[in-house]
Every structure is written in structure tokens, then in C-alpha cells.
Protein backbone atom coordinates (compact mmCIF):
# COMPACT_ATOMS: atom_id res chain seq x y z
CA MET A 1 47.10 -76.96 224.27
CA PHE A 2 43.88 -75.14 223.34
CA ALA A 3 45.20 -73.35 220.80
CA THR A 4 46.46 -76.18 219.09
CA ALA A 5 43.35 -77.89 219.20
CA GLY A 6 41.59 -74.76 217.91
CA SER A 7 37.46 -74.20 218.74
CA LYS A 8 34.20 -74.04 217.00
CA ASP A 9 33.06 -70.16 216.46
CA ASP A 10 29.52 -70.90 216.99
CA GLU A 11 29.67 -73.04 219.88
CA THR A 12 29.70 -71.80 223.29
CA LEU A 13 29.47 -72.21 227.00
CA ASP A 14 28.33 -69.50 229.35
CA GLY A 15 29.94 -67.38 226.88
CA CYS A 16 32.88 -69.44 226.88
CA PRO A 17 33.96 -70.79 223.03
CA VAL A 18 34.06 -74.69 223.14
CA VAL A 19 36.98 -76.51 222.35
CA PRO A 20 36.44 -79.93 221.03
CA LEU A 21 39.14 -82.98 221.82
CA SER A 22 39.17 -86.21 220.06
CA ASP A 23 41.27 -87.62 223.18
CA SER A 24 40.73 -90.03 225.69
CA PRO A 25 39.37 -88.60 229.08
CA LEU A 26 41.04 -91.00 230.91
CA ASP A 27 44.15 -89.45 229.01
CA LEU A 28 43.38 -85.93 229.47
CA VAL A 29 42.93 -87.02 233.09
CA HIS A 30 46.52 -87.89 233.37
CA LEU A 31 47.71 -84.58 231.52
CA LEU A 32 45.81 -82.49 233.44
CA ARG A 33 47.16 -83.93 237.05
CA ILE A 34 50.33 -82.82 236.03
CA LEU A 35 49.43 -79.37 234.50
CA LEU A 36 47.30 -78.58 237.76
CA PRO A 37 49.50 -80.49 240.14
CA ALA A 38 48.38 -80.72 243.71
CA SER A 39 51.91 -81.17 244.96
CA PRO A 40 55.50 -79.80 242.99
CA LEU A 41 56.54 -83.66 242.10
CA CYS A 42 55.57 -84.27 239.06
CA TYR A 43 57.20 -87.78 238.24
CA PRO A 44 59.55 -89.56 240.55
CA THR A 45 63.31 -88.34 240.90
CA ALA A 46 66.07 -91.10 241.15
CA ASN A 47 66.32 -89.58 244.97
CA SER A 48 62.18 -90.04 245.58
CA ALA A 49 59.76 -92.68 246.86
CA ALA A 50 57.29 -91.93 244.33
CA THR A 51 55.73 -94.30 241.72
CA ARG A 52 53.69 -93.80 238.35
CA SER A 53 51.72 -96.34 236.45
CA PHE A 54 53.12 -96.58 233.01
CA ASP A 55 49.83 -96.13 231.86
CA GLU A 56 49.76 -92.72 233.10
CA VAL A 57 53.10 -92.02 231.80
CA SER A 58 52.50 -93.48 228.47
CA ALA A 59 49.43 -90.84 228.53
CA VAL A 60 51.38 -87.75 229.16
CA VAL A 61 54.13 -88.19 227.19
CA ARG A 62 51.52 -88.98 224.04
CA LEU A 63 49.52 -86.09 224.74
CA ALA A 64 52.14 -83.70 225.80
CA HIS A 65 53.58 -84.74 222.49
CA LYS A 66 50.66 -83.98 220.44
CA TYR A 67 49.94 -80.62 221.96
CA HIS A 68 53.72 -79.28 221.91
CA ILE A 69 53.93 -78.97 225.98
CA GLN A 70 57.59 -79.43 225.31
CA SER A 71 58.75 -79.11 229.24
CA ILE A 72 55.70 -81.87 230.54
CA GLU A 73 57.21 -84.13 227.34
CA ASP A 74 60.66 -83.92 228.57
CA GLN A 75 60.35 -84.53 231.99
CA ALA A 76 57.95 -87.78 231.33
CA ILE A 77 60.72 -89.13 229.01
CA ARG A 78 63.76 -87.96 231.66
CA ALA A 79 61.91 -90.16 234.16
CA LEU A 80 61.44 -93.24 231.90
CA GLN A 81 65.11 -92.81 231.18
CA GLU A 82 66.11 -92.86 234.87
CA HIS A 83 63.68 -95.43 235.93
CA PRO A 84 62.76 -99.15 233.89
CA PHE A 85 65.03 -97.54 230.60
CA THR A 86 68.37 -96.72 232.21
CA THR A 87 71.75 -98.14 230.56
CA ASP A 88 72.28 -99.65 233.82
CA LEU A 89 71.75 -103.25 234.10
CA SER A 90 71.32 -103.11 237.71
CA VAL A 91 68.24 -100.70 237.25
CA HIS A 92 67.01 -103.64 234.86
CA SER A 93 67.23 -106.30 237.71
CA ILE A 94 64.73 -104.56 240.15
CA PRO A 95 61.37 -106.41 240.28
CA PRO A 96 58.51 -104.47 238.64
CA GLY A 97 56.44 -104.18 241.64
CA LYS A 98 59.35 -102.33 243.45
CA GLN A 99 60.13 -100.06 240.34
CA GLN A 100 59.28 -96.42 240.51
CA ILE A 101 57.42 -96.83 236.92
CA PRO A 102 56.46 -100.72 236.98
CA ILE A 103 56.03 -101.90 233.65
CA GLN A 104 55.60 -105.31 232.34
CA GLY A 105 54.22 -107.57 229.63
CA ALA A 106 52.68 -105.93 226.55
CA GLN A 107 53.13 -102.69 228.22
CA PHE A 108 56.52 -102.84 226.46
CA ILE A 109 54.93 -102.90 223.26
CA GLY A 110 53.61 -98.99 224.52
CA ALA A 111 57.25 -98.30 225.44
CA VAL A 112 58.84 -98.94 222.00
CA ASN A 113 56.11 -97.01 220.26
CA LEU A 114 57.06 -93.97 222.30
CA SER A 115 60.62 -94.34 221.97
CA ARG A 116 59.87 -94.10 218.11
CA LEU A 117 57.05 -91.44 218.83
CA THR A 118 59.83 -89.05 220.59
CA ASP A 119 63.05 -90.33 219.01
CA THR A 120 64.46 -91.63 222.38
CA PRO A 121 66.39 -94.40 221.10
CA GLN A 122 67.81 -95.27 224.45
CA VAL A 123 64.34 -97.03 225.85
CA LEU A 124 64.75 -99.42 222.35
CA PRO A 125 66.93 -102.11 223.56
CA LEU A 126 64.91 -103.13 226.82
CA ALA A 127 61.80 -102.27 225.27
CA LEU A 128 62.65 -104.46 222.04
CA LEU A 129 64.15 -107.26 224.02
CA ARG A 130 60.82 -107.83 226.35
CA CYS A 131 58.65 -107.77 223.36
CA SER A 132 60.53 -110.39 222.05
CA CYS A 133 59.83 -112.49 225.09
CA LEU A 134 56.13 -112.29 224.52
CA GLY A 135 55.85 -114.79 221.79
CA GLY A 136 52.54 -114.95 219.73
CA ASN A 137 50.95 -112.37 222.15
CA LEU A 138 53.38 -109.79 220.61
CA LEU A 139 50.89 -109.51 217.74
CA ASP A 140 47.77 -109.07 220.01
CA GLY A 141 49.09 -105.58 220.82
CA TRP A 142 48.94 -103.73 223.98
CA LYS A 143 45.22 -102.83 225.26
CA ARG A 144 45.42 -99.53 227.13
CA GLY A 145 43.81 -98.28 229.89
CA ASP A 146 40.92 -96.29 227.42
CA GLY A 147 40.53 -99.59 225.23
CA THR A 148 42.84 -98.53 222.69
CA THR A 149 44.79 -101.19 221.42
CA GLU A 150 48.52 -100.18 219.77
CA TYR A 151 50.65 -102.53 217.85
CA LEU A 152 54.34 -102.39 216.92
CA SER A 153 55.71 -101.44 213.29
CA THR A 154 55.82 -104.18 210.78
CA ALA A 155 60.28 -103.24 211.03
CA ASP A 156 59.64 -103.59 215.03
CA ILE A 157 58.05 -106.71 214.95
CA LYS A 158 60.62 -108.13 212.55
CA ARG A 159 63.36 -107.16 214.59
CA CYS A 160 61.80 -108.40 217.38
CA PHE A 161 61.86 -111.63 215.88
CA ASP A 162 65.01 -111.92 214.55
CA GLY A 163 66.65 -110.60 217.79
CA ARG A 164 65.33 -113.55 219.79
CA VAL A 165 66.65 -116.14 217.66
CA ALA A 166 70.40 -113.91 217.90
CA LEU A 167 69.20 -113.79 221.48
CA ALA A 168 69.06 -117.77 221.80
CA GLN A 169 72.78 -117.81 220.69
CA GLU A 170 73.91 -115.61 223.05
CA GLN A 171 72.18 -117.54 225.73
CA PHE A 172 74.15 -120.73 224.54
CA LEU A 173 77.27 -118.67 224.75
CA LEU A 174 76.83 -117.06 228.28
CA LEU A 175 75.76 -120.64 229.60
CA SER A 176 78.73 -122.20 227.80
CA ARG A 177 81.18 -119.98 229.33
CA LEU A 178 79.40 -119.78 232.95
CA PHE A 179 79.97 -123.18 233.18
CA ASP A 180 83.18 -123.37 231.40
CA THR A 181 86.19 -125.38 233.53
CA ILE A 182 87.31 -123.67 236.46
CA PRO A 183 91.11 -123.22 237.08
CA PHE A 184 92.19 -125.65 239.75
CA ALA A 185 93.56 -123.56 241.56
CA LYS A 186 90.13 -121.54 242.43
CA CYS A 187 88.78 -124.57 244.04
CA MET A 188 89.03 -124.82 247.38
CA ALA A 189 88.43 -128.67 247.47
CA ARG A 190 91.79 -129.54 245.40
CA GLY A 191 89.40 -129.82 242.05
CA ALA A 192 86.73 -132.14 243.77
CA CYS A 193 83.72 -129.31 242.19
CA ALA A 194 84.83 -130.42 238.52
CA THR A 195 82.36 -133.20 238.65
CA GLN A 196 79.74 -131.16 240.05
CA MET A 197 80.44 -128.53 238.27
CA ALA A 198 79.94 -131.33 234.85
CA ASN A 199 76.65 -132.35 236.20
CA ILE A 200 75.51 -128.56 236.37
CA ALA A 201 75.86 -127.81 233.63
CA ARG A 202 74.48 -130.67 231.95
CA ASN A 203 71.53 -130.77 234.35
CA VAL A 204 70.99 -126.81 233.19
CA VAL A 205 70.96 -127.51 229.72
CA SER A 206 68.67 -130.61 229.33
CA LYS A 207 65.88 -129.09 231.43
CA GLU A 208 62.89 -128.12 229.35
CA ASP A 209 62.23 -124.89 230.75
CA LEU A 210 65.40 -123.61 229.81
CA VAL A 211 64.05 -122.02 227.01
CA LYS A 212 61.39 -119.92 228.79
CA LYS A 213 64.57 -118.57 230.72
CA PRO A 214 64.83 -114.52 229.56
CA PRO A 215 67.73 -114.01 228.07
CA LEU A 216 69.30 -111.87 231.23
CA HIS A 217 68.22 -114.27 233.56
CA ASP A 218 70.04 -113.93 236.97
CA TRP A 219 71.91 -117.12 237.98
CA ALA A 220 73.08 -115.69 241.27
CA PRO A 221 71.06 -116.74 243.27
CA SER A 222 70.88 -120.65 241.92
CA ILE A 223 74.72 -120.22 242.17
CA ARG A 224 74.60 -119.01 246.06
CA ALA A 225 71.87 -121.76 246.85
CA THR A 226 74.00 -124.94 245.40
CA PRO A 227 75.38 -127.43 248.26
CA VAL A 228 77.76 -128.98 245.89
CA LEU A 229 80.32 -126.48 245.40
CA CYS A 230 82.78 -124.91 247.29
CA GLU A 231 82.95 -121.33 248.05
CA GLY A 232 86.07 -120.66 245.88
CA CYS A 233 84.30 -122.14 242.82
CA LYS A 234 81.28 -120.43 243.50
CA GLU A 235 83.01 -117.13 243.42
CA VAL A 236 84.35 -117.63 240.01
CA LEU A 237 80.63 -118.43 238.94
CA LEU A 238 79.50 -115.55 240.56
CA ASP A 239 82.01 -113.58 238.64
CA ARG A 240 81.11 -115.06 235.08
CA ASN A 241 77.53 -114.27 235.56
CA LYS A 242 78.22 -110.82 236.24
CA VAL A 243 80.79 -110.33 233.28
CA GLU A 244 78.55 -112.13 230.77
CA ARG A 245 75.17 -110.88 231.76
CA GLN A 246 76.90 -107.53 231.20
CA ARG A 247 78.14 -108.66 227.73
CA THR A 248 74.83 -109.49 226.56
CA TRP A 249 72.90 -106.28 227.68
CA GLU A 250 75.78 -104.17 225.86
CA SER A 251 75.21 -106.57 222.85
CA LEU A 252 71.20 -105.40 222.79
CA PRO A 253 71.58 -102.42 220.23
CA ARG A 254 73.52 -104.63 218.00
CA VAL A 255 70.87 -107.70 218.18
CA PHE A 256 67.91 -105.74 218.00
CA GLY A 257 69.50 -102.91 215.13
CA VAL A 258 69.38 -100.14 216.88
CA THR A 259 71.76 -97.38 217.58
CA VAL A 260 71.95 -95.95 221.13
CA GLU A 261 74.09 -92.80 221.97
CA GLY A 262 75.50 -93.85 225.48
CA TRP A 263 74.88 -97.35 225.61
CA PRO A 264 77.58 -99.67 227.22
CA LYS A 265 79.77 -100.51 224.25
CA SER A 266 79.95 -104.59 223.98
CA GLU A 267 83.36 -106.17 222.52
CA SER A 268 81.92 -107.76 219.52
CA ASP A 269 79.70 -104.75 218.54
CA GLY A 270 80.02 -104.91 214.89
CA ALA A 271 80.12 -108.58 214.19
CA GLY A 272 76.93 -110.03 212.57
CA ALA A 273 75.18 -106.45 213.30
CA ALA A 274 71.51 -105.72 212.02
CA ALA A 275 71.08 -102.79 210.11
CA PRO A 276 70.49 -99.95 212.90
CA ALA A 277 67.41 -97.78 212.71
């Protein structure tokens, strides 16, 4: 780290050379806590209950990359891949307050930039998805703890805008498939739920707040809570909800025009795909 920064030959303190660092003191604190840990656990693993803030992880990745501390950079990136940016949809469904590396709002701008900096494309689908939901706030950037503001590149901003349009189409497909007619044989009320299903679908589509629902909104709690459908019809809807959310999840690299090795494959991959980056 100090070799990379370089020292001033004519400046010493108590006989030791002074090494000037232009980095934020707050960022350096995060890195030094990893280099000089009070415990052997630097980053949370899949089996640990330890948590780290995204600001801290971001600082460590950026400085470890800058000063070529590869082992620390790899460890921090691996932690991001195992927790908020896994390829597993079920982990994405964990509320931010219960994640081992909580991340929300404009922090996803920082996640996209970390992915670009370290060539870690696995982070991009979810990070771009969440950035696309920021609306006009996306252009305000993410203000880090040290006061520095990060912005997306023009190309990634375009991906967010284009992806949001594509995701609106995905959301329409999800709802149309979710509330499609249920086979008579599945209804424990001998088909009596059909009218209620039509009413539910009509109400969902007509609600003004539908556009505010995130593209991967989980309808399972609402399905379980509805008193007007039989258990057989609820089971069909729950299965559809799981399948359609997974289908949308698998389509994210195509929607945002990125290539991610190891991402679950969507049956519709290749149809209307943006140019990968």
C-alpha cells in the first residue's frame, strides 16, 4: 500500500518517511480495520451472523483495488456475491434489515460502479434493476459517507432507462400469467372461484399503485391472505407466482444487456436482447 503511494524524500516524522495519501480518512479506517483486525473474521460468510455496511465494503474494495491488495479485494467481492448479489432469487427476497451486507436506494449506484471497477458482472443484474427503480433520483448519484458523490456512466444510465421499459412489459406478462384462468379440476369450489379470480385481476390492474410495485414484487402474501379463493386455487396462484418471478429474475441480464456467467438461464434468452456489455 505504502509502496504504491510513494513517499516524499524530503519529508520525515520522527525519522520515518512521510507517505501522502489522497484517500478519504473514513475509507482508510475501513481498510485498516481489515488489514489490522481485532478478530480473525474479516467478512461475513454464508454461515455467520456478522454484518458489514455497504459503505464499508465499498471503501475496502476501492482501496484494495487501488493499492493492489488482491486478497482483501477478492474477499470483499466474494462477500458481496454471497449475500445481496447472489444469483439466487430467494436471497434477493430477504429484507434489507436482515441482510448481512444491507444495501438499498442509491447505494446500488455504488454497487454498479464496483462491478465495473473489479470486472464482477454477477453484481450487475440486481444492481441495475434497483437503480432502474430510482426514477429521477438516479441522476442525483449516491453520496458516500465521506461526502463524495458517485454517478453511473452514461451507458449504464441508458441501460437503466431502457431496462425499466422492458421490465414494465415483463411485469404485465407476469400478471397476465399469474391471474390467468385456473383449470376447473384444480378448484375445490367446483369452479366457483372463477368470478372472484376475474375480480381480483381487474382490481390489481386498475390500482394506481401498481406502477410503484417493484418488478420482482412477491404476490404470495396477498394470495395467502385473500379470503375469497379456495385452497386449491391459492395453491395454483402460489406456484405461478414462484415460476413467473423466477422467469423475470432469469431475464435480467437480457433486459439490461449484460453477460453474466453462471446466471440462471431464461427460456426467452436471446429474444429482444440488448447488446451485452
